[in-house]
Amino acid sequence: MPILDEVTLDNVISSADQALRTLTRSAHAARPMPLPIQGGPALDPAQRKLSGALMRVNHVGEVCAQALYAAQALTARTPELRAQMLAAGREETDHLAWTERRLADLGDRPSHLNPLWYAGAFAIGLAAGRAGDRVSLGFVVETEQQVEAHLASHLQRLPEQDLASRAVVAQMKADEARHAEQALQAGASPVPAPVRWLMRAAAGLMTRVAHVV
């Protein structure tokens, strides 16, 4: 099986371009934004504030997903894995664009710390990728399963009237589950329990901070 022994200049430039588009809110979705079958009632100020905070957290998650998949594609040791990481990353770009648009519709804003979130996630993705393809795939599985659980909790917390946000989150949840299954089928190695705990702790900290900052 061919091995990608070195990172090409084109790959580095592509990764840098993706970071720029992510952090300058220039991402464009390839798929239409999920919409509810019918419009719901108007949100009151408290509901709008809650939805905005939750969608800001989800947007941060998508900023991190862009960084993780870009770094893992950059360090993939086979063309097949690189293609898989890039394909999943493109679907995450849809999520990024959808959450950005939903934040704008709610009159809210992304996190002020997005450059920090991106840099941290990119470093983690590089570390996972350098550990080997099976480890990198295992990291994808654990990450996506945690994100899926996180999105399920948001579906419980979002106001029932916010049908637009709920439609976006539901589609994101389905996509994350599929990404995890694809990584499993590609030969992912299980993530050790201490690493899983650290990942959950880091995600919890990010969620609490992004909720308000």
C-alpha atoms as a PDB file:
ATOM      1  CA  MET A   1       0.000   0.000   0.000  1.00  0.00           C
ATOM      2  CA  PRO A   2       1.517   3.391  -0.954  1.00  0.00           C
ATOM      3  CA  ILE A   3       2.636   5.634   1.859  1.00  0.00           C
ATOM      4  CA  LEU A   4       2.623   9.419   1.880  1.00  0.00           C
ATOM      5  CA  ASP A   5       6.189   9.870   3.131  1.00  0.00           C
ATOM      6  CA  GLU A   6       6.180  13.620   3.076  1.00  0.00           C
ATOM      7  CA  VAL A   7       3.749  16.487   3.202  1.00  0.00           C
ATOM      8  CA  THR A   8       3.603  18.272  -0.140  1.00  0.00           C
ATOM      9  CA  LEU A   9       3.621  22.028  -0.532  1.00  0.00           C
ATOM     10  CA  ASP A  10       0.203  21.853  -2.198  1.00  0.00           C
ATOM     11  CA  ASN A  11      -1.211  20.083   0.849  1.00  0.00           C
ATOM     12  CA  VAL A  12       0.236  22.681   3.191  1.00  0.00           C
ATOM     13  CA  ILE A  13      -1.179  25.522   1.085  1.00  0.00           C
ATOM     14  CA  SER A  14      -4.574  23.813   0.968  1.00  0.00           C
ATOM     15  CA  SER A  15      -4.547  23.394   4.742  1.00  0.00           C
ATOM     16  CA  ALA A  16      -3.616  27.053   5.255  1.00  0.00           C
ATOM     17  CA  ASP A  17      -6.381  28.146   2.871  1.00  0.00           C
ATOM     18  CA  GLN A  18      -8.902  26.089   4.803  1.00  0.00           C
ATOM     19  CA  ALA A  19      -7.816  27.694   8.078  1.00  0.00           C
ATOM     20  CA  LEU A  20      -8.206  31.153   6.547  1.00  0.00           C
ATOM     21  CA  ARG A  21     -11.682  30.403   5.200  1.00  0.00           C
ATOM     22  CA  THR A  22     -12.747  28.938   8.529  1.00  0.00           C
ATOM     23  CA  LEU A  23     -11.570  31.872  10.615  1.00  0.00           C
ATOM     24  CA  THR A  24     -12.793  34.591   8.243  1.00  0.00           C
ATOM     25  CA  ARG A  25     -16.294  33.096   7.963  1.00  0.00           C
ATOM     26  CA  SER A  26     -15.803  32.436   4.245  1.00  0.00           C
ATOM     27  CA  ALA A  27     -16.941  28.817   4.278  1.00  0.00           C
ATOM     28  CA  HIS A  28     -19.629  27.806   1.780  1.00  0.00           C
ATOM     29  CA  ALA A  29     -21.889  24.779   2.132  1.00  0.00           C
ATOM     30  CA  ALA A  30     -22.138  22.292  -0.712  1.00  0.00           C
ATOM     31  CA  ARG A  31     -25.504  21.045   0.569  1.00  0.00           C
ATOM     32  CA  PRO A  32     -28.603  23.137   1.215  1.00  0.00           C
ATOM     33  CA  MET A  33     -29.117  24.160   4.815  1.00  0.00           C
ATOM     34  CA  PRO A  34     -31.623  21.842   6.539  1.00  0.00           C
ATOM     35  CA  LEU A  35     -34.944  23.567   7.069  1.00  0.00           C
ATOM     36  CA  PRO A  36     -37.989  22.621   9.133  1.00  0.00           C
ATOM     37  CA  ILE A  37     -41.063  21.363   7.313  1.00  0.00           C
ATOM     38  CA  GLN A  38     -42.994  24.340   8.656  1.00  0.00           C
ATOM     39  CA  GLY A  39     -42.067  27.527  10.418  1.00  0.00           C
ATOM     40  CA  GLY A  40     -42.400  27.717  14.176  1.00  0.00           C
ATOM     41  CA  PRO A  41     -43.559  30.570  16.401  1.00  0.00           C
ATOM     42  CA  ALA A  42     -41.287  33.538  17.011  1.00  0.00           C
ATOM     43  CA  LEU A  43     -38.728  33.090  19.780  1.00  0.00           C
ATOM     44  CA  ASP A  44     -38.885  35.339  22.816  1.00  0.00           C
ATOM     45  CA  PRO A  45     -35.640  37.081  23.935  1.00  0.00           C
ATOM     46  CA  ALA A  46     -34.725  34.378  26.454  1.00  0.00           C
ATOM     47  CA  GLN A  47     -35.242  31.594  23.916  1.00  0.00           C
ATOM     48  CA  ARG A  48     -33.267  33.471  21.292  1.00  0.00           C
ATOM     49  CA  LYS A  49     -30.404  33.988  23.743  1.00  0.00           C
ATOM     50  CA  LEU A  50     -30.318  30.296  24.665  1.00  0.00           C
ATOM     51  CA  SER A  51     -30.425  29.180  21.038  1.00  0.00           C
ATOM     52  CA  GLY A  52     -27.652  31.632  20.175  1.00  0.00           C
ATOM     53  CA  ALA A  53     -25.412  30.333  22.954  1.00  0.00           C
ATOM     54  CA  LEU A  54     -25.975  26.702  21.976  1.00  0.00           C
ATOM     55  CA  MET A  55     -25.400  27.362  18.287  1.00  0.00           C
ATOM     56  CA  ARG A  56     -22.223  29.298  19.128  1.00  0.00           C
ATOM     57  CA  VAL A  57     -20.959  26.188  20.937  1.00  0.00           C
ATOM     58  CA  ASN A  58     -21.890  24.081  17.907  1.00  0.00           C
ATOM     59  CA  HIS A  59     -20.103  26.521  15.620  1.00  0.00           C
ATOM     60  CA  VAL A  60     -16.953  26.222  17.749  1.00  0.00           C
ATOM     61  CA  GLY A  61     -17.223  22.460  17.398  1.00  0.00           C
ATOM     62  CA  GLU A  62     -17.262  22.861  13.631  1.00  0.00           C
ATOM     63  CA  VAL A  63     -14.262  25.203  13.727  1.00  0.00           C
ATOM     64  CA  CYS A  64     -12.424  22.462  15.625  1.00  0.00           C
ATOM     65  CA  ALA A  65     -13.652  19.824  13.168  1.00  0.00           C
ATOM     66  CA  GLN A  66     -12.156  21.807  10.283  1.00  0.00           C
ATOM     67  CA  ALA A  67      -8.815  21.901  12.075  1.00  0.00           C
ATOM     68  CA  LEU A  68      -8.857  18.247  13.120  1.00  0.00           C
ATOM     69  CA  TYR A  69      -9.709  16.862   9.702  1.00  0.00           C
ATOM     70  CA  ALA A  70      -7.254  19.198   7.952  1.00  0.00           C
ATOM     71  CA  ALA A  71      -4.419  18.114  10.244  1.00  0.00           C
ATOM     72  CA  GLN A  72      -5.294  14.432  10.009  1.00  0.00           C
ATOM     73  CA  ALA A  73      -5.501  14.648   6.211  1.00  0.00           C
ATOM     74  CA  LEU A  74      -2.119  16.376   6.191  1.00  0.00           C
ATOM     75  CA  THR A  75      -0.497  13.563   8.195  1.00  0.00           C
ATOM     76  CA  ALA A  76      -2.350  10.606   6.632  1.00  0.00           C
ATOM     77  CA  ARG A  77       0.014   7.856   5.495  1.00  0.00           C
ATOM     78  CA  THR A  78      -2.082   6.591   2.605  1.00  0.00           C
ATOM     79  CA  PRO A  79      -3.927   8.364  -0.207  1.00  0.00           C
ATOM     80  CA  GLU A  80      -7.099   6.489   0.755  1.00  0.00           C
ATOM     81  CA  LEU A  81      -7.123   7.818   4.306  1.00  0.00           C
ATOM     82  CA  ARG A  82      -6.306  11.329   3.157  1.00  0.00           C
ATOM     83  CA  ALA A  83      -9.272  11.193   0.757  1.00  0.00           C
ATOM     84  CA  GLN A  84     -11.545   9.929   3.552  1.00  0.00           C
ATOM     85  CA  MET A  85     -10.463  12.727   5.897  1.00  0.00           C
ATOM     86  CA  LEU A  86     -10.954  15.372   3.226  1.00  0.00           C
ATOM     87  CA  ALA A  87     -14.416  14.042   2.329  1.00  0.00           C
ATOM     88  CA  ALA A  88     -15.540  14.118   5.955  1.00  0.00           C
ATOM     89  CA  GLY A  89     -14.020  17.583   6.290  1.00  0.00           C
ATOM     90  CA  ARG A  90     -16.116  18.838   3.389  1.00  0.00           C
ATOM     91  CA  GLU A  91     -19.278  17.716   5.150  1.00  0.00           C
ATOM     92  CA  GLU A  92     -18.047  19.462   8.291  1.00  0.00           C
ATOM     93  CA  THR A  93     -17.676  22.597   6.155  1.00  0.00           C
ATOM     94  CA  ASP A  94     -21.410  22.360   5.488  1.00  0.00           C
ATOM     95  CA  HIS A  95     -21.981  22.267   9.250  1.00  0.00           C
ATOM     96  CA  LEU A  96     -19.711  25.272   9.715  1.00  0.00           C
ATOM     97  CA  ALA A  97     -21.610  27.316   7.141  1.00  0.00           C
ATOM     98  CA  TRP A  98     -25.011  26.241   8.513  1.00  0.00           C
ATOM     99  CA  THR A  99     -24.156  27.181  12.096  1.00  0.00           C
ATOM    100  CA  GLU A 100     -22.719  30.514  10.961  1.00  0.00           C
ATOM    101  CA  ARG A 101     -25.934  31.301   9.115  1.00  0.00           C
ATOM    102  CA  ARG A 102     -28.090  30.209  12.028  1.00  0.00           C
ATOM    103  CA  LEU A 103     -26.110  32.424  14.409  1.00  0.00           C
ATOM    104  CA  ALA A 104     -26.683  35.370  12.069  1.00  0.00           C
ATOM    105  CA  ASP A 105     -30.401  34.587  11.863  1.00  0.00           C
ATOM    106  CA  LEU A 106     -30.561  34.587  15.668  1.00  0.00           C
ATOM    107  CA  GLY A 107     -28.728  37.906  15.838  1.00  0.00           C
ATOM    108  CA  ASP A 108     -25.842  36.285  17.688  1.00  0.00           C
ATOM    109  CA  ARG A 109     -22.099  35.907  17.038  1.00  0.00           C
ATOM    110  CA  PRO A 110     -19.390  33.247  16.848  1.00  0.00           C
ATOM    111  CA  SER A 111     -16.907  32.756  19.665  1.00  0.00           C
ATOM    112  CA  HIS A 112     -14.213  35.417  20.033  1.00  0.00           C
ATOM    113  CA  LEU A 113     -11.727  32.597  20.696  1.00  0.00           C
ATOM    114  CA  ASN A 114     -12.094  30.767  17.390  1.00  0.00           C
ATOM    115  CA  PRO A 115      -8.418  31.248  16.390  1.00  0.00           C
ATOM    116  CA  LEU A 116      -7.397  29.650  19.682  1.00  0.00           C
ATOM    117  CA  TRP A 117      -9.866  26.778  19.254  1.00  0.00           C
ATOM    118  CA  TYR A 118      -8.616  26.165  15.715  1.00  0.00           C
ATOM    119  CA  ALA A 119      -4.934  26.188  16.679  1.00  0.00           C
ATOM    120  CA  GLY A 120      -5.476  23.799  19.573  1.00  0.00           C
ATOM    121  CA  ALA A 121      -7.542  21.376  17.514  1.00  0.00           C
ATOM    122  CA  PHE A 122      -5.028  21.455  14.666  1.00  0.00           C
ATOM    123  CA  ALA A 123      -2.215  20.530  17.060  1.00  0.00           C
ATOM    124  CA  ILE A 124      -4.280  17.641  18.439  1.00  0.00           C
ATOM    125  CA  GLY A 125      -5.083  16.450  14.933  1.00  0.00           C
ATOM    126  CA  LEU A 126      -1.399  16.518  13.982  1.00  0.00           C
ATOM    127  CA  ALA A 127      -0.533  14.437  17.046  1.00  0.00           C
ATOM    128  CA  ALA A 128      -3.244  11.884  16.244  1.00  0.00           C
ATOM    129  CA  GLY A 129      -2.185  11.681  12.620  1.00  0.00           C
ATOM    130  CA  ARG A 130       1.491  11.244  13.413  1.00  0.00           C
ATOM    131  CA  ALA A 131       0.630   8.332  15.712  1.00  0.00           C
ATOM    132  CA  GLY A 132      -0.477   6.294  12.697  1.00  0.00           C
ATOM    133  CA  ASP A 133      -3.523   5.800  10.518  1.00  0.00           C
ATOM    134  CA  ARG A 134      -5.334   3.332  12.766  1.00  0.00           C
ATOM    135  CA  VAL A 135      -4.834   5.629  15.762  1.00  0.00           C
ATOM    136  CA  SER A 136      -5.978   8.609  13.714  1.00  0.00           C
ATOM    137  CA  LEU A 137      -9.129   6.739  12.681  1.00  0.00           C
ATOM    138  CA  GLY A 138      -9.737   5.742  16.306  1.00  0.00           C
ATOM    139  CA  PHE A 139      -9.504   9.391  17.266  1.00  0.00           C
ATOM    140  CA  VAL A 140     -12.136  10.189  14.621  1.00  0.00           C
ATOM    141  CA  VAL A 141     -14.459   7.537  16.040  1.00  0.00           C
ATOM    142  CA  GLU A 142     -14.145   8.798  19.611  1.00  0.00           C
ATOM    143  CA  THR A 143     -14.445  12.453  18.597  1.00  0.00           C
ATOM    144  CA  GLU A 144     -17.511  11.905  16.442  1.00  0.00           C
ATOM    145  CA  GLN A 145     -19.225   9.753  19.056  1.00  0.00           C
ATOM    146  CA  GLN A 146     -18.676  12.450  21.666  1.00  0.00           C
ATOM    147  CA  VAL A 147     -19.944  15.112  19.275  1.00  0.00           C
ATOM    148  CA  GLU A 148     -23.009  13.019  18.462  1.00  0.00           C
ATOM    149  CA  ALA A 149     -23.824  12.750  22.186  1.00  0.00           C
ATOM    150  CA  HIS A 150     -23.250  16.488  22.592  1.00  0.00           C
ATOM    151  CA  LEU A 151     -25.637  17.279  19.742  1.00  0.00           C
ATOM    152  CA  ALA A 152     -28.238  14.936  21.202  1.00  0.00           C
ATOM    153  CA  SER A 153     -28.076  16.942  24.441  1.00  0.00           C
ATOM    154  CA  HIS A 154     -28.555  20.156  22.470  1.00  0.00           C
ATOM    155  CA  LEU A 155     -31.666  18.751  20.828  1.00  0.00           C
ATOM    156  CA  GLN A 156     -33.032  18.358  24.351  1.00  0.00           C
ATOM    157  CA  ARG A 157     -31.974  21.872  25.414  1.00  0.00           C
ATOM    158  CA  LEU A 158     -32.926  23.919  22.365  1.00  0.00           C
ATOM    159  CA  PRO A 159     -36.306  25.624  22.658  1.00  0.00           C
ATOM    160  CA  GLU A 160     -39.057  23.501  21.143  1.00  0.00           C
ATOM    161  CA  GLN A 161     -40.116  26.548  19.109  1.00  0.00           C
ATOM    162  CA  ASP A 162     -36.666  26.859  17.471  1.00  0.00           C
ATOM    163  CA  LEU A 163     -37.418  24.472  14.641  1.00  0.00           C
ATOM    164  CA  ALA A 164     -34.740  25.975  12.393  1.00  0.00           C
ATOM    165  CA  SER A 165     -31.866  25.313  14.815  1.00  0.00           C
ATOM    166  CA  ARG A 166     -33.223  21.878  15.617  1.00  0.00           C
ATOM    167  CA  ALA A 167     -33.279  20.915  11.920  1.00  0.00           C
ATOM    168  CA  VAL A 168     -29.621  21.902  11.540  1.00  0.00           C
ATOM    169  CA  VAL A 169     -28.512  20.069  14.683  1.00  0.00           C
ATOM    170  CA  ALA A 170     -30.414  16.913  13.737  1.00  0.00           C
ATOM    171  CA  GLN A 171     -28.679  16.711  10.342  1.00  0.00           C
ATOM    172  CA  MET A 172     -25.307  17.385  11.925  1.00  0.00           C
ATOM    173  CA  LYS A 173     -25.897  14.570  14.406  1.00  0.00           C
ATOM    174  CA  ALA A 174     -26.702  12.120  11.606  1.00  0.00           C
ATOM    175  CA  ASP A 175     -23.567  13.111   9.688  1.00  0.00           C
ATOM    176  CA  GLU A 176     -21.316  12.705  12.740  1.00  0.00           C
ATOM    177  CA  ALA A 177     -22.669   9.204  13.371  1.00  0.00           C
ATOM    178  CA  ARG A 178     -21.892   8.276   9.770  1.00  0.00           C
ATOM    179  CA  HIS A 179     -18.337   9.657  10.014  1.00  0.00           C
ATOM    180  CA  ALA A 180     -17.716   7.526  13.097  1.00  0.00           C
ATOM    181  CA  GLU A 181     -19.065   4.404  11.367  1.00  0.00           C
ATOM    182  CA  GLN A 182     -16.915   5.030   8.288  1.00  0.00           C
ATOM    183  CA  ALA A 183     -13.804   5.355  10.460  1.00  0.00           C
ATOM    184  CA  LEU A 184     -14.668   2.125  12.258  1.00  0.00           C
ATOM    185  CA  GLN A 185     -15.056   0.289   8.959  1.00  0.00           C
ATOM    186  CA  ALA A 186     -11.699   1.675   7.782  1.00  0.00           C
ATOM    187  CA  GLY A 187      -9.887  -0.073  10.642  1.00  0.00           C
ATOM    188  CA  ALA A 188      -9.868   2.314  13.598  1.00  0.00           C
ATOM    189  CA  SER A 189      -8.025   1.312  16.756  1.00  0.00           C
ATOM    190  CA  PRO A 190      -9.840   1.844  20.089  1.00  0.00           C
ATOM    191  CA  VAL A 191      -8.798   4.970  21.972  1.00  0.00           C
ATOM    192  CA  PRO A 192      -7.367   4.201  25.447  1.00  0.00           C
ATOM    193  CA  ALA A 193      -9.626   5.107  28.370  1.00  0.00           C
ATOM    194  CA  PRO A 194      -7.347   7.878  29.770  1.00  0.00           C
ATOM    195  CA  VAL A 195      -7.294   9.564  26.363  1.00  0.00           C
ATOM    196  CA  ARG A 196     -11.088   9.350  26.115  1.00  0.00           C
ATOM    197  CA  TRP A 197     -11.362  10.982  29.536  1.00  0.00           C
ATOM    198  CA  LEU A 198      -8.994  13.799  28.543  1.00  0.00           C
ATOM    199  CA  MET A 199     -10.935  14.378  25.325  1.00  0.00           C
ATOM    200  CA  ARG A 200     -14.207  14.654  27.258  1.00  0.00           C
ATOM    201  CA  ALA A 201     -12.642  17.017  29.797  1.00  0.00           C
ATOM    202  CA  ALA A 202     -11.240  19.267  27.059  1.00  0.00           C
ATOM    203  CA  ALA A 203     -14.563  19.282  25.210  1.00  0.00           C
ATOM    204  CA  GLY A 204     -16.413  20.146  28.414  1.00  0.00           C
ATOM    205  CA  LEU A 205     -14.107  23.090  29.081  1.00  0.00           C
ATOM    206  CA  MET A 206     -14.483  24.345  25.520  1.00  0.00           C
ATOM    207  CA  THR A 207     -18.275  24.051  25.736  1.00  0.00           C
ATOM    208  CA  ARG A 208     -18.496  26.060  28.956  1.00  0.00           C
ATOM    209  CA  VAL A 209     -16.229  28.826  27.661  1.00  0.00           C
ATOM    210  CA  ALA A 210     -17.766  29.047  24.167  1.00  0.00           C
ATOM    211  CA  HIS A 211     -21.253  29.286  25.681  1.00  0.00           C
ATOM    212  CA  VAL A 212     -20.466  32.852  26.751  1.00  0.00           C
ATOM    213  CA  VAL A 213     -17.228  33.999  25.054  1.00  0.00           C
END
